[in-house]
């Protein structure tokens, strides 16, 4: 138990160290740039709205917009620089002593160098674009892996508490099993026999479900048959009641007659037996 506790504590310490170092480096890269820009910027100078919005709450969309904005700015800056350098060289060539004179052959050679340099620059741009695409792809994959690591880390943080609870539950179950045990022998079976018992109970349940379904299918027919028998029994019940009333009336009259009850006992017995036999025959009762 002590070794398990020590391992759990070591896992928790590793998780805490990982949580302390979970900072996204791409956001850290923007901190010195934004700090230097804020420190060297004139308060009265107008800043870019895109840049300010991306620094306030950096998100993938804002960083993409900020990157596009800076690309446009650097493109304009490069054009201005090339234009300024060209003007400066041209003016120096004109006002120089002696003035710089360029021959057609030199222009032709320079044009060839420019064509080669442009082709090389285009190849480099294509290579850089491919590298950027690959980096974006890897960045998305790393982002997904980072989110998965965050989820797994949260699960790992919950595992020590769950393991401790399960160990306590196992200890309590072992203690209760040693103290009294279960009164039901089926609860003390090993795992293999318990699995077999579960399968047998499932088969028994399926068999009962099939029988119940058959009985439910037979229920409408039985209900109709019951209604038919009740309809046939109703006239017989009415006839029995009438016969009973007639018999009572006849017995009362005979009791009031001169002969009395004792003289008519045998006749009444025969009549009752005949009535009973007739009712049993009508109701189809054996006995």
C-alpha atoms as a PDB file:
ATOM      1  CA  UNK A   1       0.000   0.000   0.000  1.00  0.00           C
ATOM      2  CA  UNK A   2       2.856   2.385   0.794  1.00  0.00           C
ATOM      3  CA  UNK A   3       4.465   1.720  -2.603  1.00  0.00           C
ATOM      4  CA  UNK A   4       1.158   2.504  -4.344  1.00  0.00           C
ATOM      5  CA  UNK A   5       0.840   5.730  -2.338  1.00  0.00           C
ATOM      6  CA  UNK A   6       4.398   6.715  -3.223  1.00  0.00           C
ATOM      7  CA  UNK A   7       3.816   6.032  -6.923  1.00  0.00           C
ATOM      8  CA  UNK A   8       0.588   8.074  -6.799  1.00  0.00           C
ATOM      9  CA  UNK A   9       2.443  10.978  -5.198  1.00  0.00           C
ATOM     10  CA  UNK A  10       5.195  10.761  -7.838  1.00  0.00           C
ATOM     11  CA  UNK A  11       2.574  10.831 -10.619  1.00  0.00           C
ATOM     12  CA  UNK A  12       0.949  13.878  -9.060  1.00  0.00           C
ATOM     13  CA  UNK A  13       4.320  15.660  -8.773  1.00  0.00           C
ATOM     14  CA  UNK A  14       5.020  14.962 -12.457  1.00  0.00           C
ATOM     15  CA  UNK A  15       1.598  16.314 -13.416  1.00  0.00           C
ATOM     16  CA  UNK A  16       2.205  19.462 -11.359  1.00  0.00           C
ATOM     17  CA  UNK A  17       5.570  20.017 -13.056  1.00  0.00           C
ATOM     18  CA  UNK A  18       3.960  19.566 -16.460  1.00  0.00           C
ATOM     19  CA  UNK A  19       1.181  21.989 -15.588  1.00  0.00           C
ATOM     20  CA  UNK A  20       3.768  24.574 -14.480  1.00  0.00           C
ATOM     21  CA  UNK A  21       5.498  24.421 -17.880  1.00  0.00           C
ATOM     22  CA  UNK A  22       2.362  24.442 -20.035  1.00  0.00           C
ATOM     23  CA  UNK A  23       2.859  27.753 -21.823  1.00  0.00           C
ATOM     24  CA  UNK A  24       2.447  28.215 -25.541  1.00  0.00           C
ATOM     25  CA  UNK A  25       5.755  29.411 -26.954  1.00  0.00           C
ATOM     26  CA  UNK A  26       4.217  31.236 -29.918  1.00  0.00           C
ATOM     27  CA  UNK A  27       2.483  33.617 -27.519  1.00  0.00           C
ATOM     28  CA  UNK A  28       5.698  34.141 -25.573  1.00  0.00           C
ATOM     29  CA  UNK A  29       7.415  35.214 -28.792  1.00  0.00           C
ATOM     30  CA  UNK A  30       5.028  38.133 -29.140  1.00  0.00           C
ATOM     31  CA  UNK A  31       5.787  39.534 -25.691  1.00  0.00           C
ATOM     32  CA  UNK A  32       9.214  41.184 -26.376  1.00  0.00           C
ATOM     33  CA  UNK A  33       7.964  42.564 -29.703  1.00  0.00           C
ATOM     34  CA  UNK A  34       4.883  44.130 -28.152  1.00  0.00           C
ATOM     35  CA  UNK A  35       6.883  45.395 -25.150  1.00  0.00           C
ATOM     36  CA  UNK A  36       9.578  47.047 -27.271  1.00  0.00           C
ATOM     37  CA  UNK A  37       7.024  48.517 -29.610  1.00  0.00           C
ATOM     38  CA  UNK A  38       5.061  49.976 -26.714  1.00  0.00           C
ATOM     39  CA  UNK A  39       8.208  51.422 -25.127  1.00  0.00           C
ATOM     40  CA  UNK A  40       9.606  53.039 -28.287  1.00  0.00           C
ATOM     41  CA  UNK A  41       6.321  54.232 -29.761  1.00  0.00           C
ATOM     42  CA  UNK A  42       5.352  57.883 -29.721  1.00  0.00           C
ATOM     43  CA  UNK A  43       2.124  58.425 -27.719  1.00  0.00           C
ATOM     44  CA  UNK A  44       0.821  60.780 -30.407  1.00  0.00           C
ATOM     45  CA  UNK A  45       1.587  58.350 -33.229  1.00  0.00           C
ATOM     46  CA  UNK A  46      -1.306  56.388 -34.673  1.00  0.00           C
ATOM     47  CA  UNK A  47      -0.965  52.608 -34.427  1.00  0.00           C
ATOM     48  CA  UNK A  48      -2.506  49.832 -36.465  1.00  0.00           C
ATOM     49  CA  UNK A  49      -5.916  48.648 -35.319  1.00  0.00           C
ATOM     50  CA  UNK A  50      -5.163  45.110 -36.525  1.00  0.00           C
ATOM     51  CA  UNK A  51      -1.947  44.948 -34.483  1.00  0.00           C
ATOM     52  CA  UNK A  52      -3.615  46.317 -31.357  1.00  0.00           C
ATOM     53  CA  UNK A  53      -6.511  43.869 -31.585  1.00  0.00           C
ATOM     54  CA  UNK A  54      -4.157  40.903 -31.992  1.00  0.00           C
ATOM     55  CA  UNK A  55      -2.044  41.933 -28.978  1.00  0.00           C
ATOM     56  CA  UNK A  56      -5.084  42.429 -26.732  1.00  0.00           C
ATOM     57  CA  UNK A  57      -6.430  38.898 -27.173  1.00  0.00           C
ATOM     58  CA  UNK A  58      -4.217  36.770 -29.428  1.00  0.00           C
ATOM     59  CA  UNK A  59      -6.158  34.102 -31.278  1.00  0.00           C
ATOM     60  CA  UNK A  60      -5.375  32.103 -34.446  1.00  0.00           C
ATOM     61  CA  UNK A  61      -7.623  34.402 -36.505  1.00  0.00           C
ATOM     62  CA  UNK A  62      -6.119  37.598 -35.079  1.00  0.00           C
ATOM     63  CA  UNK A  63      -2.574  36.302 -35.571  1.00  0.00           C
ATOM     64  CA  UNK A  64      -3.399  35.461 -39.190  1.00  0.00           C
ATOM     65  CA  UNK A  65      -4.811  38.954 -39.751  1.00  0.00           C
ATOM     66  CA  UNK A  66      -1.771  40.497 -38.057  1.00  0.00           C
ATOM     67  CA  UNK A  67       0.577  38.466 -40.264  1.00  0.00           C
ATOM     68  CA  UNK A  68      -1.238  39.644 -43.411  1.00  0.00           C
ATOM     69  CA  UNK A  69      -1.060  43.232 -42.187  1.00  0.00           C
ATOM     70  CA  UNK A  70       2.685  43.055 -41.578  1.00  0.00           C
ATOM     71  CA  UNK A  71       3.269  41.419 -44.945  1.00  0.00           C
ATOM     72  CA  UNK A  72       1.585  44.364 -46.639  1.00  0.00           C
ATOM     73  CA  UNK A  73       3.641  46.819 -44.591  1.00  0.00           C
ATOM     74  CA  UNK A  74       6.939  45.078 -45.397  1.00  0.00           C
ATOM     75  CA  UNK A  75       6.008  44.916 -49.091  1.00  0.00           C
ATOM     76  CA  UNK A  76       5.420  48.674 -49.146  1.00  0.00           C
ATOM     77  CA  UNK A  77       8.619  49.273 -47.172  1.00  0.00           C
ATOM     78  CA  UNK A  78      10.645  47.148 -49.589  1.00  0.00           C
ATOM     79  CA  UNK A  79       9.253  49.007 -52.586  1.00  0.00           C
ATOM     80  CA  UNK A  80      10.063  52.360 -50.988  1.00  0.00           C
ATOM     81  CA  UNK A  81      13.576  51.179 -50.134  1.00  0.00           C
ATOM     82  CA  UNK A  82      14.293  49.942 -53.650  1.00  0.00           C
ATOM     83  CA  UNK A  83      12.894  53.162 -55.126  1.00  0.00           C
ATOM     84  CA  UNK A  84      15.001  55.323 -52.801  1.00  0.00           C
ATOM     85  CA  UNK A  85      18.208  53.370 -53.454  1.00  0.00           C
ATOM     86  CA  UNK A  86      17.643  53.504 -57.220  1.00  0.00           C
ATOM     87  CA  UNK A  87      17.110  57.264 -57.156  1.00  0.00           C
ATOM     88  CA  UNK A  88      20.231  57.744 -55.037  1.00  0.00           C
ATOM     89  CA  UNK A  89      22.383  55.663 -57.417  1.00  0.00           C
ATOM     90  CA  UNK A  90      20.990  57.485 -60.443  1.00  0.00           C
ATOM     91  CA  UNK A  91      21.681  60.908 -58.968  1.00  0.00           C
ATOM     92  CA  UNK A  92      25.206  59.928 -57.948  1.00  0.00           C
ATOM     93  CA  UNK A  93      25.866  58.569 -61.441  1.00  0.00           C
ATOM     94  CA  UNK A  94      24.744  61.863 -63.004  1.00  0.00           C
ATOM     95  CA  UNK A  95      26.494  64.302 -60.690  1.00  0.00           C
ATOM     96  CA  UNK A  96      29.671  62.263 -60.375  1.00  0.00           C
ATOM     97  CA  UNK A  97      33.010  63.534 -61.740  1.00  0.00           C
ATOM     98  CA  UNK A  98      33.488  61.989 -64.192  1.00  0.00           C
ATOM     99  CA  UNK A  99      29.827  60.871 -64.740  1.00  0.00           C
ATOM    100  CA  UNK A 100      29.113  57.153 -64.773  1.00  0.00           C
ATOM    101  CA  UNK A 101      28.377  55.926 -68.277  1.00  0.00           C
ATOM    102  CA  UNK A 102      26.858  52.469 -68.729  1.00  0.00           C
ATOM    103  CA  UNK A 103      27.301  50.653 -72.009  1.00  0.00           C
ATOM    104  CA  UNK A 104      24.599  48.505 -73.661  1.00  0.00           C
ATOM    105  CA  UNK A 105      26.654  45.374 -73.001  1.00  0.00           C
ATOM    106  CA  UNK A 106      26.738  46.135 -69.293  1.00  0.00           C
ATOM    107  CA  UNK A 107      22.941  46.616 -69.331  1.00  0.00           C
ATOM    108  CA  UNK A 108      22.572  43.291 -71.144  1.00  0.00           C
ATOM    109  CA  UNK A 109      24.802  41.509 -68.621  1.00  0.00           C
ATOM    110  CA  UNK A 110      22.948  43.130 -65.746  1.00  0.00           C
ATOM    111  CA  UNK A 111      19.615  42.076 -67.252  1.00  0.00           C
ATOM    112  CA  UNK A 112      20.844  38.475 -67.447  1.00  0.00           C
ATOM    113  CA  UNK A 113      21.919  38.649 -63.815  1.00  0.00           C
ATOM    114  CA  UNK A 114      18.516  40.055 -62.893  1.00  0.00           C
ATOM    115  CA  UNK A 115      16.733  37.229 -64.735  1.00  0.00           C
ATOM    116  CA  UNK A 116      18.853  34.620 -62.936  1.00  0.00           C
ATOM    117  CA  UNK A 117      18.361  36.359 -59.605  1.00  0.00           C
ATOM    118  CA  UNK A 118      14.587  36.565 -60.192  1.00  0.00           C
ATOM    119  CA  UNK A 119      14.433  32.844 -61.032  1.00  0.00           C
ATOM    120  CA  UNK A 120      16.433  32.019 -57.910  1.00  0.00           C
ATOM    121  CA  UNK A 121      14.242  34.329 -55.834  1.00  0.00           C
ATOM    122  CA  UNK A 122      11.080  32.711 -57.241  1.00  0.00           C
ATOM    123  CA  UNK A 123      12.414  29.245 -56.392  1.00  0.00           C
ATOM    124  CA  UNK A 124      13.247  30.436 -52.877  1.00  0.00           C
ATOM    125  CA  UNK A 125       9.768  31.942 -52.507  1.00  0.00           C
ATOM    126  CA  UNK A 126       8.192  28.655 -53.624  1.00  0.00           C
ATOM    127  CA  UNK A 127      10.346  26.761 -51.157  1.00  0.00           C
ATOM    128  CA  UNK A 128       9.442  29.170 -48.370  1.00  0.00           C
ATOM    129  CA  UNK A 129       5.731  28.878 -49.245  1.00  0.00           C
ATOM    130  CA  UNK A 130       5.987  25.090 -49.084  1.00  0.00           C
ATOM    131  CA  UNK A 131       7.781  25.347 -45.756  1.00  0.00           C
ATOM    132  CA  UNK A 132       5.093  27.684 -44.419  1.00  0.00           C
ATOM    133  CA  UNK A 133       2.359  25.302 -45.554  1.00  0.00           C
ATOM    134  CA  UNK A 134       4.128  22.384 -43.894  1.00  0.00           C
ATOM    135  CA  UNK A 135       4.643  24.407 -40.722  1.00  0.00           C
ATOM    136  CA  UNK A 136       0.957  25.358 -40.646  1.00  0.00           C
ATOM    137  CA  UNK A 137      -0.002  21.712 -41.077  1.00  0.00           C
ATOM    138  CA  UNK A 138       2.329  20.659 -38.273  1.00  0.00           C
ATOM    139  CA  UNK A 139       1.059  23.516 -36.145  1.00  0.00           C
ATOM    140  CA  UNK A 140      -2.543  22.298 -36.502  1.00  0.00           C
ATOM    141  CA  UNK A 141      -1.470  18.742 -35.711  1.00  0.00           C
ATOM    142  CA  UNK A 142       0.444  19.940 -32.651  1.00  0.00           C
ATOM    143  CA  UNK A 143      -2.572  21.977 -31.555  1.00  0.00           C
ATOM    144  CA  UNK A 144      -4.790  18.908 -31.723  1.00  0.00           C
ATOM    145  CA  UNK A 145      -2.188  16.859 -29.875  1.00  0.00           C
ATOM    146  CA  UNK A 146      -1.907  19.613 -27.262  1.00  0.00           C
ATOM    147  CA  UNK A 147      -5.674  19.571 -26.681  1.00  0.00           C
ATOM    148  CA  UNK A 148      -5.578  15.770 -26.399  1.00  0.00           C
ATOM    149  CA  UNK A 149      -2.711  16.010 -23.915  1.00  0.00           C
ATOM    150  CA  UNK A 150      -4.739  18.525 -21.881  1.00  0.00           C
ATOM    151  CA  UNK A 151      -7.689  16.109 -21.747  1.00  0.00           C
ATOM    152  CA  UNK A 152      -5.480  13.153 -20.841  1.00  0.00           C
ATOM    153  CA  UNK A 153      -3.741  15.240 -18.172  1.00  0.00           C
ATOM    154  CA  UNK A 154      -7.098  16.105 -16.598  1.00  0.00           C
ATOM    155  CA  UNK A 155      -7.990  12.415 -16.588  1.00  0.00           C
ATOM    156  CA  UNK A 156      -4.639  11.523 -15.028  1.00  0.00           C
ATOM    157  CA  UNK A 157      -5.202  14.095 -12.294  1.00  0.00           C
ATOM    158  CA  UNK A 158      -8.490  12.370 -11.431  1.00  0.00           C
ATOM    159  CA  UNK A 159      -6.990   8.863 -11.452  1.00  0.00           C
ATOM    160  CA  UNK A 160      -5.246   8.942  -8.022  1.00  0.00           C
ATOM    161  CA  UNK A 161      -8.483   9.848  -6.224  1.00  0.00           C
ATOM    162  CA  UNK A 162     -10.425   7.207  -8.174  1.00  0.00           C
ATOM    163  CA  UNK A 163      -7.766   4.578  -7.470  1.00  0.00           C
ATOM    164  CA  UNK A 164      -7.815   5.425  -3.782  1.00  0.00           C
ATOM    165  CA  UNK A 165     -11.606   5.124  -3.685  1.00  0.00           C
ATOM    166  CA  UNK A 166     -11.515   1.773  -5.475  1.00  0.00           C
ATOM    167  CA  UNK A 167      -8.847   0.451  -3.119  1.00  0.00           C
ATOM    168  CA  UNK A 168     -10.972   1.455  -0.113  1.00  0.00           C
ATOM    169  CA  UNK A 169     -14.011  -0.226  -1.662  1.00  0.00           C
ATOM    170  CA  UNK A 170     -12.015  -3.414  -2.302  1.00  0.00           C
ATOM    171  CA  UNK A 171     -10.779  -3.370   1.302  1.00  0.00           C
ATOM    172  CA  UNK A 172     -14.319  -2.995   2.632  1.00  0.00           C
ATOM    173  CA  UNK A 173     -15.591  -5.797   0.418  1.00  0.00           C
ATOM    174  CA  UNK A 174     -12.801  -8.116   1.529  1.00  0.00           C
ATOM    175  CA  UNK A 175     -13.476  -7.260   5.154  1.00  0.00           C
ATOM    176  CA  UNK A 176     -17.211  -7.894   4.837  1.00  0.00           C
ATOM    177  CA  UNK A 177     -16.513 -11.184   3.027  1.00  0.00           C
ATOM    178  CA  UNK A 178     -14.147 -12.342   5.777  1.00  0.00           C
ATOM    179  CA  UNK A 179     -16.478 -11.276   8.612  1.00  0.00           C
ATOM    180  CA  UNK A 180     -19.773 -12.754   7.521  1.00  0.00           C
ATOM    181  CA  UNK A 181     -19.753 -13.666   3.884  1.00  0.00           C
ATOM    182  CA  UNK A 182     -22.834 -13.703   1.756  1.00  0.00           C
ATOM    183  CA  UNK A 183     -25.890 -15.798   2.547  1.00  0.00           C
ATOM    184  CA  UNK A 184     -26.452 -16.425  -1.159  1.00  0.00           C
ATOM    185  CA  UNK A 185     -23.968 -19.047  -2.442  1.00  0.00           C
ATOM    186  CA  UNK A 186     -24.277 -17.683  -5.983  1.00  0.00           C
ATOM    187  CA  UNK A 187     -22.622 -14.446  -4.865  1.00  0.00           C
ATOM    188  CA  UNK A 188     -19.506 -16.311  -3.697  1.00  0.00           C
ATOM    189  CA  UNK A 189     -18.768 -18.013  -7.012  1.00  0.00           C
ATOM    190  CA  UNK A 190     -15.495 -17.366  -8.875  1.00  0.00           C
ATOM    191  CA  UNK A 191     -15.443 -15.191 -11.962  1.00  0.00           C
ATOM    192  CA  UNK A 192     -15.745 -17.990 -14.555  1.00  0.00           C
ATOM    193  CA  UNK A 193     -18.708 -19.642 -12.838  1.00  0.00           C
ATOM    194  CA  UNK A 194     -20.311 -16.249 -12.252  1.00  0.00           C
ATOM    195  CA  UNK A 195     -20.062 -15.518 -15.989  1.00  0.00           C
ATOM    196  CA  UNK A 196     -21.643 -18.914 -16.770  1.00  0.00           C
ATOM    197  CA  UNK A 197     -24.419 -18.214 -14.270  1.00  0.00           C
ATOM    198  CA  UNK A 198     -25.058 -14.822 -15.848  1.00  0.00           C
ATOM    199  CA  UNK A 199     -25.321 -16.419 -19.295  1.00  0.00           C
ATOM    200  CA  UNK A 200     -27.751 -19.032 -17.946  1.00  0.00           C
ATOM    201  CA  UNK A 201     -29.869 -16.301 -16.342  1.00  0.00           C
ATOM    202  CA  UNK A 202     -29.877 -14.383 -19.616  1.00  0.00           C
ATOM    203  CA  UNK A 203     -31.053 -17.475 -21.519  1.00  0.00           C
ATOM    204  CA  UNK A 204     -33.766 -18.053 -18.901  1.00  0.00           C
ATOM    205  CA  UNK A 205     -34.849 -14.444 -19.198  1.00  0.00           C
ATOM    206  CA  UNK A 206     -35.000 -14.704 -22.993  1.00  0.00           C
ATOM    207  CA  UNK A 207     -37.094 -17.867 -22.705  1.00  0.00           C
ATOM    208  CA  UNK A 208     -39.505 -16.123 -20.320  1.00  0.00           C
ATOM    209  CA  UNK A 209     -39.709 -13.168 -22.674  1.00  0.00           C
ATOM    210  CA  UNK A 210     -40.651 -15.476 -25.547  1.00  0.00           C
ATOM    211  CA  UNK A 211     -43.317 -17.189 -23.429  1.00  0.00           C
ATOM    212  CA  UNK A 212     -44.687 -13.819 -22.351  1.00  0.00           C
ATOM    213  CA  UNK A 213     -44.837 -12.690 -25.963  1.00  0.00           C
ATOM    214  CA  UNK A 214     -46.733 -15.849 -26.935  1.00  0.00           C
ATOM    215  CA  UNK A 215     -49.210 -15.337 -24.092  1.00  0.00           C
ATOM    216  CA  UNK A 216     -49.679 -11.715 -25.100  1.00  0.00           C
ATOM    217  CA  UNK A 217     -50.411 -12.835 -28.660  1.00  0.00           C
ATOM    218  CA  UNK A 218     -52.971 -15.347 -27.365  1.00  0.00           C
ATOM    219  CA  UNK A 219     -54.641 -12.829 -25.049  1.00  0.00           C
ATOM    220  CA  UNK A 220     -56.980 -11.215 -27.678  1.00  0.00           C
ATOM    221  CA  UNK A 221     -58.273 -14.626 -28.767  1.00  0.00           C
ATOM    222  CA  UNK A 222     -58.804 -15.732 -25.166  1.00  0.00           C
ATOM    223  CA  UNK A 223     -60.546 -12.455 -24.404  1.00  0.00           C
ATOM    224  CA  UNK A 224     -62.976 -12.943 -27.285  1.00  0.00           C
ATOM    225  CA  UNK A 225     -63.645 -16.510 -26.168  1.00  0.00           C
ATOM    226  CA  UNK A 226     -64.337 -15.283 -22.615  1.00  0.00           C
ATOM    227  CA  UNK A 227     -66.774 -12.684 -23.924  1.00  0.00           C
ATOM    228  CA  UNK A 228     -68.566 -15.388 -25.943  1.00  0.00           C
ATOM    229  CA  UNK A 229     -68.860 -17.687 -22.909  1.00  0.00           C
ATOM    230  CA  UNK A 230     -70.154 -14.816 -20.777  1.00  0.00           C
ATOM    231  CA  UNK A 231     -72.767 -14.070 -23.421  1.00  0.00           C
ATOM    232  CA  UNK A 232     -73.837 -17.733 -23.457  1.00  0.00           C
ATOM    233  CA  UNK A 233     -73.824 -17.914 -19.661  1.00  0.00           C
ATOM    234  CA  UNK A 234     -76.050 -14.880 -19.179  1.00  0.00           C
ATOM    235  CA  UNK A 235     -79.322 -16.576 -20.385  1.00  0.00           C
ATOM    236  CA  UNK A 236     -78.508 -19.670 -18.340  1.00  0.00           C
ATOM    237  CA  UNK A 237     -77.931 -17.547 -15.244  1.00  0.00           C
ATOM    238  CA  UNK A 238     -81.252 -15.817 -15.815  1.00  0.00           C
ATOM    239  CA  UNK A 239     -82.949 -19.179 -16.239  1.00  0.00           C
ATOM    240  CA  UNK A 240     -81.307 -20.489 -13.067  1.00  0.00           C
ATOM    241  CA  UNK A 241     -82.504 -17.505 -11.086  1.00  0.00           C
ATOM    242  CA  UNK A 242     -86.021 -17.949 -12.406  1.00  0.00           C
ATOM    243  CA  UNK A 243     -85.941 -21.670 -11.585  1.00  0.00           C
ATOM    244  CA  UNK A 244     -84.646 -20.907  -8.081  1.00  0.00           C
ATOM    245  CA  UNK A 245     -87.401 -18.363  -7.526  1.00  0.00           C
ATOM    246  CA  UNK A 246     -90.025 -20.810  -8.801  1.00  0.00           C
ATOM    247  CA  UNK A 247     -88.664 -23.561  -6.569  1.00  0.00           C
ATOM    248  CA  UNK A 248     -88.746 -21.303  -3.536  1.00  0.00           C
ATOM    249  CA  UNK A 249     -92.286 -20.301  -4.295  1.00  0.00           C
ATOM    250  CA  UNK A 250     -93.323 -23.953  -4.742  1.00  0.00           C
ATOM    251  CA  UNK A 251     -91.606 -24.945  -1.486  1.00  0.00           C
ATOM    252  CA  UNK A 252     -93.372 -22.138   0.358  1.00  0.00           C
ATOM    253  CA  UNK A 253     -96.722 -23.239  -1.003  1.00  0.00           C
ATOM    254  CA  UNK A 254     -96.080 -26.852  -0.107  1.00  0.00           C
ATOM    255  CA  UNK A 255     -94.964 -25.896   3.387  1.00  0.00           C
ATOM    256  CA  UNK A 256     -98.193 -24.011   3.794  1.00  0.00           C
ATOM    257  CA  UNK A 257    -100.211 -27.014   2.562  1.00  0.00           C
ATOM    258  CA  UNK A 258    -101.876 -29.562   4.853  1.00  0.00           C
ATOM    259  CA  UNK A 259     -99.254 -32.273   4.441  1.00  0.00           C
ATOM    260  CA  UNK A 260     -96.392 -30.076   5.784  1.00  0.00           C
ATOM    261  CA  UNK A 261     -92.702 -30.248   4.988  1.00  0.00           C
ATOM    262  CA  UNK A 262     -92.011 -33.865   5.870  1.00  0.00           C
ATOM    263  CA  UNK A 263     -94.486 -35.259   3.377  1.00  0.00           C
ATOM    264  CA  UNK A 264     -92.861 -33.475   0.470  1.00  0.00           C
ATOM    265  CA  UNK A 265     -89.131 -34.042   1.216  1.00  0.00           C
ATOM    266  CA  UNK A 266     -88.675 -36.885  -1.231  1.00  0.00           C
ATOM    267  CA  UNK A 267     -90.383 -35.045  -4.082  1.00  0.00           C
ATOM    268  CA  UNK A 268     -88.346 -31.921  -3.460  1.00  0.00           C
ATOM    269  CA  UNK A 269     -85.144 -33.971  -3.441  1.00  0.00           C
ATOM    270  CA  UNK A 270     -85.930 -35.501  -6.806  1.00  0.00           C
ATOM    271  CA  UNK A 271     -86.757 -32.100  -8.221  1.00  0.00           C
ATOM    272  CA  UNK A 272     -83.518 -30.551  -6.934  1.00  0.00           C
ATOM    273  CA  UNK A 273     -81.414 -33.420  -8.299  1.00  0.00           C
ATOM    274  CA  UNK A 274     -83.113 -33.094 -11.677  1.00  0.00           C
ATOM    275  CA  UNK A 275     -82.530 -29.304 -11.651  1.00  0.00           C
ATOM    276  CA  UNK A 276     -78.867 -29.793 -10.665  1.00  0.00           C
ATOM    277  CA  UNK A 277     -78.317 -32.342 -13.430  1.00  0.00           C
ATOM    278  CA  UNK A 278     -79.950 -30.022 -15.978  1.00  0.00           C
ATOM    279  CA  UNK A 279     -77.767 -27.077 -14.943  1.00  0.00           C
ATOM    280  CA  UNK A 280     -74.569 -29.159 -15.053  1.00  0.00           C
ATOM    281  CA  UNK A 281     -75.479 -30.375 -18.512  1.00  0.00           C
ATOM    282  CA  UNK A 282     -76.179 -26.867 -19.746  1.00  0.00           C
ATOM    283  CA  UNK A 283     -72.986 -25.444 -18.207  1.00  0.00           C
ATOM    284  CA  UNK A 284     -70.934 -28.482 -19.304  1.00  0.00           C
ATOM    285  CA  UNK A 285     -69.698 -29.117 -15.786  1.00  0.00           C
ATOM    286  CA  UNK A 286     -68.383 -32.570 -14.979  1.00  0.00           C
ATOM    287  CA  UNK A 287     -68.881 -34.177 -11.564  1.00  0.00           C
END
